[in-house]
Amino acid sequence: MDNRAKILSCALQLFATRGYDAVGVQEIVDAVGIAKPTLYHFFGSKEGVLQALLEEQFTAEYDLVKQAAAYTGDLPLTLTRIAAVYFQFAKDHRLFYRMQLSMWFGPANSVAYKAVARLNEKQHQLIEDLFVRAAKDHGNMRGRQRAYAATFLGMINTYIGLALNGYADLTDEVLYQAVHQFMHGIFS
């Protein structure tokens, strides 16, 4: 692993376990075993490290969600695919998912929240656009796409949060139940 990758790996571990604001540059470089100028060379600052972490991880997640969100007229299938992508990504990237969730629910003026907000909004827009397309097949959904996207992503992240804290498992059965419950709510 090169120094850049080591910095990202150690920073992720520290940010996920202690929070972005609680970790200093010195702690990151000490954990990696490098000098500060090496971190500054690659990232410019602690915020640059955070931006790189978020961009790399969110890009991978976004690409998967975008593929899953391809709507072909079967909304339950599309929502199941999307939820499955989020569940699997959270299982495969536990530290990152914990970090980004904590940042999303952090203080609105914090560096961490601002960094994650624009990326989360991009994913939210992707899901909102899905509901706009689906409303053509389901008239009762018109005008509700923003609320549906927020509710659907909130439900997914609640299940993931429960799993990250040991209160639930992200099984196929939980996936089915979550999507079924959501579908029941939007069609009633």
C-alpha atoms as a PDB file:
ATOM      1  CA  MET A   1       0.000   0.000   0.000  1.00  0.00           C
ATOM      2  CA  ASP A   2       1.451   3.388  -0.947  1.00  0.00           C
ATOM      3  CA  ASN A   3       1.482   6.404   1.392  1.00  0.00           C
ATOM      4  CA  ARG A   4      -1.621   7.942  -0.171  1.00  0.00           C
ATOM      5  CA  ALA A   5      -3.608   4.755   0.365  1.00  0.00           C
ATOM      6  CA  LYS A   6      -2.250   4.360   3.901  1.00  0.00           C
ATOM      7  CA  ILE A   7      -3.287   7.906   4.770  1.00  0.00           C
ATOM      8  CA  LEU A   8      -6.817   7.294   3.483  1.00  0.00           C
ATOM      9  CA  SER A   9      -7.099   3.967   5.284  1.00  0.00           C
ATOM     10  CA  CYS A  10      -5.900   5.330   8.628  1.00  0.00           C
ATOM     11  CA  ALA A  11      -7.993   8.480   8.313  1.00  0.00           C
ATOM     12  CA  LEU A  12     -11.091   6.422   7.578  1.00  0.00           C
ATOM     13  CA  GLN A  13     -10.468   4.294  10.662  1.00  0.00           C
ATOM     14  CA  LEU A  14      -9.951   7.360  12.840  1.00  0.00           C
ATOM     15  CA  PHE A  15     -12.840   9.413  11.416  1.00  0.00           C
ATOM     16  CA  ALA A  16     -15.256   6.471  11.696  1.00  0.00           C
ATOM     17  CA  THR A  17     -14.346   5.620  15.274  1.00  0.00           C
ATOM     18  CA  ARG A  18     -13.757   9.072  16.746  1.00  0.00           C
ATOM     19  CA  GLY A  19     -15.406  11.577  14.402  1.00  0.00           C
ATOM     20  CA  TYR A  20     -13.830  13.928  11.912  1.00  0.00           C
ATOM     21  CA  ASP A  21     -13.539  16.890  14.286  1.00  0.00           C
ATOM     22  CA  ALA A  22     -11.865  14.818  17.013  1.00  0.00           C
ATOM     23  CA  VAL A  23      -8.965  13.737  14.777  1.00  0.00           C
ATOM     24  CA  GLY A  24      -5.997  15.950  14.010  1.00  0.00           C
ATOM     25  CA  VAL A  25      -3.454  15.789  11.214  1.00  0.00           C
ATOM     26  CA  GLN A  26      -0.734  14.774  13.674  1.00  0.00           C
ATOM     27  CA  GLU A  27      -2.753  11.758  14.783  1.00  0.00           C
ATOM     28  CA  ILE A  28      -3.238  10.644  11.170  1.00  0.00           C
ATOM     29  CA  VAL A  29       0.431  10.961  10.241  1.00  0.00           C
ATOM     30  CA  ASP A  30       1.507   9.236  13.463  1.00  0.00           C
ATOM     31  CA  ALA A  31      -0.814   6.314  12.704  1.00  0.00           C
ATOM     32  CA  VAL A  32       0.598   6.035   9.177  1.00  0.00           C
ATOM     33  CA  GLY A  33       4.198   6.592  10.250  1.00  0.00           C
ATOM     34  CA  ILE A  34       4.878   9.539   7.954  1.00  0.00           C
ATOM     35  CA  ALA A  35       5.631  13.243   8.335  1.00  0.00           C
ATOM     36  CA  LYS A  36       3.007  15.969   7.884  1.00  0.00           C
ATOM     37  CA  PRO A  37       4.491  17.202   4.591  1.00  0.00           C
ATOM     38  CA  THR A  38       3.641  13.830   3.029  1.00  0.00           C
ATOM     39  CA  LEU A  39      -0.038  14.231   3.919  1.00  0.00           C
ATOM     40  CA  TYR A  40       0.007  17.819   2.680  1.00  0.00           C
ATOM     41  CA  HIS A  41       1.678  16.711  -0.552  1.00  0.00           C
ATOM     42  CA  PHE A  42      -1.149  14.302  -1.368  1.00  0.00           C
ATOM     43  CA  PHE A  43      -4.162  16.128   0.088  1.00  0.00           C
ATOM     44  CA  GLY A  44      -3.235  19.677   1.101  1.00  0.00           C
ATOM     45  CA  SER A  45      -5.071  19.420   4.438  1.00  0.00           C
ATOM     46  CA  LYS A  46      -7.166  17.206   6.692  1.00  0.00           C
ATOM     47  CA  GLU A  47     -10.209  18.429   4.778  1.00  0.00           C
ATOM     48  CA  GLY A  48      -8.502  17.300   1.563  1.00  0.00           C
ATOM     49  CA  VAL A  49      -8.133  13.820   3.055  1.00  0.00           C
ATOM     50  CA  LEU A  50     -11.838  13.819   3.883  1.00  0.00           C
ATOM     51  CA  GLN A  51     -12.791  15.009   0.392  1.00  0.00           C
ATOM     52  CA  ALA A  52     -10.685  12.245  -1.202  1.00  0.00           C
ATOM     53  CA  LEU A  53     -12.256   9.594   1.050  1.00  0.00           C
ATOM     54  CA  LEU A  54     -15.760  10.779   0.279  1.00  0.00           C
ATOM     55  CA  GLU A  55     -15.213  11.149  -3.464  1.00  0.00           C
ATOM     56  CA  GLU A  56     -13.699   7.688  -3.866  1.00  0.00           C
ATOM     57  CA  GLN A  57     -16.264   5.861  -1.781  1.00  0.00           C
ATOM     58  CA  PHE A  58     -19.321   7.818  -2.905  1.00  0.00           C
ATOM     59  CA  THR A  59     -18.368   7.488  -6.556  1.00  0.00           C
ATOM     60  CA  ALA A  60     -18.306   3.712  -6.222  1.00  0.00           C
ATOM     61  CA  GLU A  61     -21.597   3.674  -4.301  1.00  0.00           C
ATOM     62  CA  TYR A  62     -23.289   6.184  -6.623  1.00  0.00           C
ATOM     63  CA  ASP A  63     -22.389   4.182  -9.717  1.00  0.00           C
ATOM     64  CA  LEU A  64     -23.931   1.048  -8.197  1.00  0.00           C
ATOM     65  CA  VAL A  65     -27.090   2.882  -7.107  1.00  0.00           C
ATOM     66  CA  LYS A  66     -27.428   4.527 -10.511  1.00  0.00           C
ATOM     67  CA  GLN A  67     -27.351   1.117 -12.224  1.00  0.00           C
ATOM     68  CA  ALA A  68     -29.890  -0.276  -9.772  1.00  0.00           C
ATOM     69  CA  ALA A  69     -32.172   2.756 -10.233  1.00  0.00           C
ATOM     70  CA  ALA A  70     -32.735   2.056 -13.935  1.00  0.00           C
ATOM     71  CA  TYR A  71     -36.543   2.012 -14.021  1.00  0.00           C
ATOM     72  CA  THR A  72     -38.202  -0.406 -16.430  1.00  0.00           C
ATOM     73  CA  GLY A  73     -41.777  -0.180 -15.196  1.00  0.00           C
ATOM     74  CA  ASP A  74     -41.433  -2.438 -12.147  1.00  0.00           C
ATOM     75  CA  LEU A  75     -41.103  -0.174  -9.112  1.00  0.00           C
ATOM     76  CA  PRO A  76     -40.917  -2.907  -6.441  1.00  0.00           C
ATOM     77  CA  LEU A  77     -38.096  -4.604  -8.355  1.00  0.00           C
ATOM     78  CA  THR A  78     -36.231  -1.320  -8.824  1.00  0.00           C
ATOM     79  CA  LEU A  79     -36.552  -0.375  -5.149  1.00  0.00           C
ATOM     80  CA  THR A  80     -35.428  -3.844  -4.108  1.00  0.00           C
ATOM     81  CA  ARG A  81     -32.339  -3.543  -6.318  1.00  0.00           C
ATOM     82  CA  ILE A  82     -31.532  -0.123  -4.858  1.00  0.00           C
ATOM     83  CA  ALA A  83     -31.976  -1.237  -1.252  1.00  0.00           C
ATOM     84  CA  ALA A  84     -29.874  -4.340  -1.958  1.00  0.00           C
ATOM     85  CA  VAL A  85     -27.054  -2.140  -3.278  1.00  0.00           C
ATOM     86  CA  TYR A  86     -27.118   0.042  -0.171  1.00  0.00           C
ATOM     87  CA  PHE A  87     -27.256  -2.949   2.168  1.00  0.00           C
ATOM     88  CA  GLN A  88     -24.359  -4.678   0.416  1.00  0.00           C
ATOM     89  CA  PHE A  89     -22.290  -1.506   0.223  1.00  0.00           C
ATOM     90  CA  ALA A  90     -22.794  -0.929   3.951  1.00  0.00           C
ATOM     91  CA  LYS A  91     -21.766  -4.524   4.686  1.00  0.00           C
ATOM     92  CA  ASP A  92     -18.676  -4.234   2.495  1.00  0.00           C
ATOM     93  CA  HIS A  93     -17.710  -0.732   3.691  1.00  0.00           C
ATOM     94  CA  ARG A  94     -18.809  -0.648   7.326  1.00  0.00           C
ATOM     95  CA  LEU A  95     -16.341   1.996   8.481  1.00  0.00           C
ATOM     96  CA  PHE A  96     -17.090   4.308   5.603  1.00  0.00           C
ATOM     97  CA  TYR A  97     -20.834   3.941   5.969  1.00  0.00           C
ATOM     98  CA  ARG A  98     -20.655   4.646   9.704  1.00  0.00           C
ATOM     99  CA  MET A  99     -18.470   7.683   9.063  1.00  0.00           C
ATOM    100  CA  GLN A 100     -20.696   9.185   6.394  1.00  0.00           C
ATOM    101  CA  LEU A 101     -23.890   8.575   8.385  1.00  0.00           C
ATOM    102  CA  SER A 102     -22.439  10.300  11.437  1.00  0.00           C
ATOM    103  CA  MET A 103     -21.325  13.214   9.272  1.00  0.00           C
ATOM    104  CA  TRP A 104     -24.754  13.477   7.630  1.00  0.00           C
ATOM    105  CA  PHE A 105     -26.363  13.868  11.049  1.00  0.00           C
ATOM    106  CA  GLY A 106     -23.655  16.189  12.360  1.00  0.00           C
ATOM    107  CA  PRO A 107     -23.900  19.938  12.930  1.00  0.00           C
ATOM    108  CA  ALA A 108     -25.093  21.713   9.774  1.00  0.00           C
ATOM    109  CA  ASN A 109     -22.228  24.223   9.802  1.00  0.00           C
ATOM    110  CA  SER A 110     -19.480  21.657  10.322  1.00  0.00           C
ATOM    111  CA  VAL A 111     -16.873  20.891   7.683  1.00  0.00           C
ATOM    112  CA  ALA A 112     -17.837  17.221   7.824  1.00  0.00           C
ATOM    113  CA  TYR A 113     -21.551  17.845   7.218  1.00  0.00           C
ATOM    114  CA  LYS A 114     -20.883  20.231   4.355  1.00  0.00           C
ATOM    115  CA  ALA A 115     -18.522  17.728   2.743  1.00  0.00           C
ATOM    116  CA  VAL A 116     -20.991  14.853   2.864  1.00  0.00           C
ATOM    117  CA  ALA A 117     -24.155  16.874   2.193  1.00  0.00           C
ATOM    118  CA  ARG A 118     -23.559  17.565  -1.488  1.00  0.00           C
ATOM    119  CA  LEU A 119     -22.788  13.904  -2.145  1.00  0.00           C
ATOM    120  CA  ASN A 120     -25.850  12.706  -0.238  1.00  0.00           C
ATOM    121  CA  GLU A 121     -27.973  15.235  -2.105  1.00  0.00           C
ATOM    122  CA  LYS A 122     -26.694  13.820  -5.394  1.00  0.00           C
ATOM    123  CA  GLN A 123     -27.839  10.337  -4.351  1.00  0.00           C
ATOM    124  CA  HIS A 124     -31.146  11.711  -3.108  1.00  0.00           C
ATOM    125  CA  GLN A 125     -31.706  13.361  -6.497  1.00  0.00           C
ATOM    126  CA  LEU A 126     -31.086  10.051  -8.233  1.00  0.00           C
ATOM    127  CA  ILE A 127     -33.806   8.379  -6.157  1.00  0.00           C
ATOM    128  CA  GLU A 128     -36.132  11.357  -6.526  1.00  0.00           C
ATOM    129  CA  ASP A 129     -35.749  11.139 -10.312  1.00  0.00           C
ATOM    130  CA  LEU A 130     -36.719   7.466 -10.129  1.00  0.00           C
ATOM    131  CA  PHE A 131     -39.989   8.398  -8.428  1.00  0.00           C
ATOM    132  CA  VAL A 132     -40.656  11.054 -11.076  1.00  0.00           C
ATOM    133  CA  ARG A 133     -40.310   8.365 -13.766  1.00  0.00           C
ATOM    134  CA  ALA A 134     -42.429   5.896 -11.794  1.00  0.00           C
ATOM    135  CA  ALA A 135     -45.200   8.481 -11.297  1.00  0.00           C
ATOM    136  CA  LYS A 136     -46.003   8.104 -14.999  1.00  0.00           C
ATOM    137  CA  ASP A 137     -47.145   4.555 -14.180  1.00  0.00           C
ATOM    138  CA  HIS A 138     -48.559   5.365 -10.735  1.00  0.00           C
ATOM    139  CA  GLY A 139     -50.577   8.573 -10.810  1.00  0.00           C
ATOM    140  CA  ASN A 140     -51.042   8.733  -7.048  1.00  0.00           C
ATOM    141  CA  MET A 141     -47.292   9.340  -6.717  1.00  0.00           C
ATOM    142  CA  ARG A 142     -47.209  12.623  -8.651  1.00  0.00           C
ATOM    143  CA  GLY A 143     -45.820  15.506  -6.686  1.00  0.00           C
ATOM    144  CA  ARG A 144     -44.583  13.274  -3.870  1.00  0.00           C
ATOM    145  CA  GLN A 145     -41.216  12.259  -5.322  1.00  0.00           C
ATOM    146  CA  ARG A 146     -39.119  14.339  -2.912  1.00  0.00           C
ATOM    147  CA  ALA A 147     -40.882  12.945   0.147  1.00  0.00           C
ATOM    148  CA  TYR A 148     -40.714   9.401  -1.232  1.00  0.00           C
ATOM    149  CA  ALA A 149     -36.992   9.674  -1.910  1.00  0.00           C
ATOM    150  CA  ALA A 150     -36.319  11.038   1.574  1.00  0.00           C
ATOM    151  CA  THR A 151     -38.479   8.383   3.223  1.00  0.00           C
ATOM    152  CA  PHE A 152     -37.007   5.540   1.204  1.00  0.00           C
ATOM    153  CA  LEU A 153     -33.401   6.578   1.852  1.00  0.00           C
ATOM    154  CA  GLY A 154     -34.219   7.254   5.501  1.00  0.00           C
ATOM    155  CA  MET A 155     -35.655   3.768   5.878  1.00  0.00           C
ATOM    156  CA  ILE A 156     -32.602   2.212   4.224  1.00  0.00           C
ATOM    157  CA  ASN A 157     -30.202   4.177   6.416  1.00  0.00           C
ATOM    158  CA  THR A 158     -32.169   3.315   9.550  1.00  0.00           C
ATOM    159  CA  TYR A 159     -31.818  -0.400   8.822  1.00  0.00           C
ATOM    160  CA  ILE A 160     -28.142   0.076   8.044  1.00  0.00           C
ATOM    161  CA  GLY A 161     -27.643   2.062  11.257  1.00  0.00           C
ATOM    162  CA  LEU A 162     -29.309  -0.710  13.229  1.00  0.00           C
ATOM    163  CA  ALA A 163     -27.026  -3.265  11.570  1.00  0.00           C
ATOM    164  CA  LEU A 164     -23.885  -1.204  12.174  1.00  0.00           C
ATOM    165  CA  ASN A 165     -24.794  -1.054  15.862  1.00  0.00           C
ATOM    166  CA  GLY A 166     -25.547  -4.765  16.152  1.00  0.00           C
ATOM    167  CA  TYR A 167     -29.341  -4.521  16.434  1.00  0.00           C
ATOM    168  CA  ALA A 168     -30.233  -6.082  13.084  1.00  0.00           C
ATOM    169  CA  ASP A 169     -28.803  -8.078  10.219  1.00  0.00           C
ATOM    170  CA  LEU A 170     -29.110  -6.930   6.628  1.00  0.00           C
ATOM    171  CA  THR A 171     -30.581 -10.183   5.339  1.00  0.00           C
ATOM    172  CA  ASP A 172     -32.627 -10.835   2.219  1.00  0.00           C
ATOM    173  CA  GLU A 173     -35.676 -11.219   4.453  1.00  0.00           C
ATOM    174  CA  VAL A 174     -35.121  -7.784   6.029  1.00  0.00           C
ATOM    175  CA  LEU A 175     -34.611  -6.347   2.551  1.00  0.00           C
ATOM    176  CA  TYR A 176     -37.892  -7.824   1.333  1.00  0.00           C
ATOM    177  CA  GLN A 177     -39.801  -6.671   4.426  1.00  0.00           C
ATOM    178  CA  ALA A 178     -38.407  -3.132   4.219  1.00  0.00           C
ATOM    179  CA  VAL A 179     -39.255  -2.660   0.546  1.00  0.00           C
ATOM    180  CA  HIS A 180     -42.657  -4.336   0.960  1.00  0.00           C
ATOM    181  CA  GLN A 181     -43.512  -2.069   3.889  1.00  0.00           C
ATOM    182  CA  PHE A 182     -42.411   1.007   1.937  1.00  0.00           C
ATOM    183  CA  MET A 183     -44.424  -0.033  -1.130  1.00  0.00           C
ATOM    184  CA  HIS A 184     -47.505  -0.621   1.017  1.00  0.00           C
ATOM    185  CA  GLY A 185     -47.156   2.885   2.410  1.00  0.00           C
ATOM    186  CA  ILE A 186     -46.837   4.672  -0.916  1.00  0.00           C
ATOM    187  CA  PHE A 187     -49.649   2.749  -2.623  1.00  0.00           C
ATOM    188  CA  SER A 188     -52.169   3.149   0.196  1.00  0.00           C
END
